[in-house]
Amino acid sequence: MRTNIDIDDDLMAKVMRITGKRTKRDAIHEAMARLVEIDQQTAIRTLRGTIDWDGNLDDMRTSKYIPADL
């Protein structure tokens, strides 16, 4: 989608430095993708401690749970 927007030059330079991208287009795309990832991670973190798990890590660490071909 083609869009024309006014972006602060200093902010754009920082985004390009942080992302390591050489073009404004690539830097903006990377920054937007990272923002979406952060949002998704935040949503996942809200689930911490809310899911019950009845597994036993000690049992899972034994060889009976490890595939034989490893």
Protein backbone atom coordinates (compact mmCIF):
# COMPACT_ATOMS: atom_id res chain seq x y z
CA MET A 1 0.00 0.00 0.00
CA ARG A 2 1.43 3.34 -0.98
CA THR A 3 1.17 6.00 1.74
CA ASN A 4 2.63 9.47 2.13
CA ILE A 5 3.40 10.52 5.70
CA ASP A 6 5.50 13.16 7.44
CA ILE A 7 8.14 11.53 9.69
CA ASP A 8 10.51 13.36 12.01
CA ASP A 9 14.02 13.19 10.49
CA ASP A 10 15.74 12.47 13.81
CA LEU A 11 13.30 9.69 14.64
CA MET A 12 13.73 8.18 11.18
CA ALA A 13 17.51 8.25 11.56
CA LYS A 14 17.23 6.48 14.93
CA VAL A 15 14.92 3.82 13.49
CA MET A 16 17.30 3.22 10.59
CA ARG A 17 20.25 2.94 12.99
CA ILE A 18 18.41 0.58 15.36
CA THR A 19 17.06 -1.68 12.62
CA GLY A 20 20.20 -1.57 10.51
CA LYS A 21 18.12 -0.94 7.40
CA ARG A 22 19.44 1.27 4.62
CA THR A 23 16.13 2.48 3.20
CA LYS A 24 13.34 4.31 4.96
CA ARG A 25 10.84 1.84 3.57
CA ASP A 26 12.70 -1.16 4.99
CA ALA A 27 13.29 0.58 8.33
CA ILE A 28 9.61 1.43 8.74
CA HIS A 29 8.57 -2.08 7.75
CA GLU A 30 10.99 -3.60 10.29
CA ALA A 31 9.89 -1.21 13.05
CA MET A 32 6.23 -2.00 12.41
CA ALA A 33 6.92 -5.75 12.43
CA ARG A 34 8.79 -5.43 15.74
CA LEU A 35 5.92 -3.45 17.25
CA VAL A 36 3.48 -6.20 16.30
CA GLU A 37 5.83 -8.82 17.83
CA ILE A 38 6.05 -6.84 21.07
CA ASP A 39 2.27 -6.57 21.22
CA GLN A 40 1.89 -10.32 20.70
CA GLN A 41 4.51 -11.07 23.37
CA THR A 42 2.71 -8.77 25.80
CA ALA A 43 -0.54 -10.62 25.17
CA ILE A 44 1.17 -13.96 25.79
CA ARG A 45 2.77 -12.69 29.01
CA THR A 46 -0.67 -11.89 30.42
CA LEU A 47 -1.35 -15.64 30.39
CA ARG A 48 1.58 -16.36 32.70
CA GLY A 49 0.36 -18.16 35.79
CA THR A 50 -3.16 -18.62 34.47
CA ILE A 51 -2.71 -22.01 32.83
CA ASP A 52 -2.65 -25.13 35.00
CA TRP A 53 -0.13 -27.79 34.09
CA ASP A 54 0.05 -31.22 35.70
CA GLY A 55 3.24 -32.44 34.05
CA ASN A 56 6.38 -33.60 35.82
CA LEU A 57 9.57 -32.06 34.50
CA ASP A 58 11.78 -34.65 36.18
CA ASP A 59 9.94 -37.45 34.36
CA MET A 60 10.08 -35.55 31.09
CA ARG A 61 13.85 -35.20 31.39
CA THR A 62 14.37 -38.95 31.46
CA SER A 63 15.31 -40.91 28.38
CA LYS A 64 11.84 -42.40 27.92
CA TYR A 65 10.68 -39.02 26.59
CA ILE A 66 13.71 -38.41 24.39
CA PRO A 67 13.39 -39.79 20.83
CA ALA A 68 15.75 -42.71 20.19
CA ASP A 69 17.16 -41.15 17.01
CA LEU A 70 18.74 -38.20 18.84
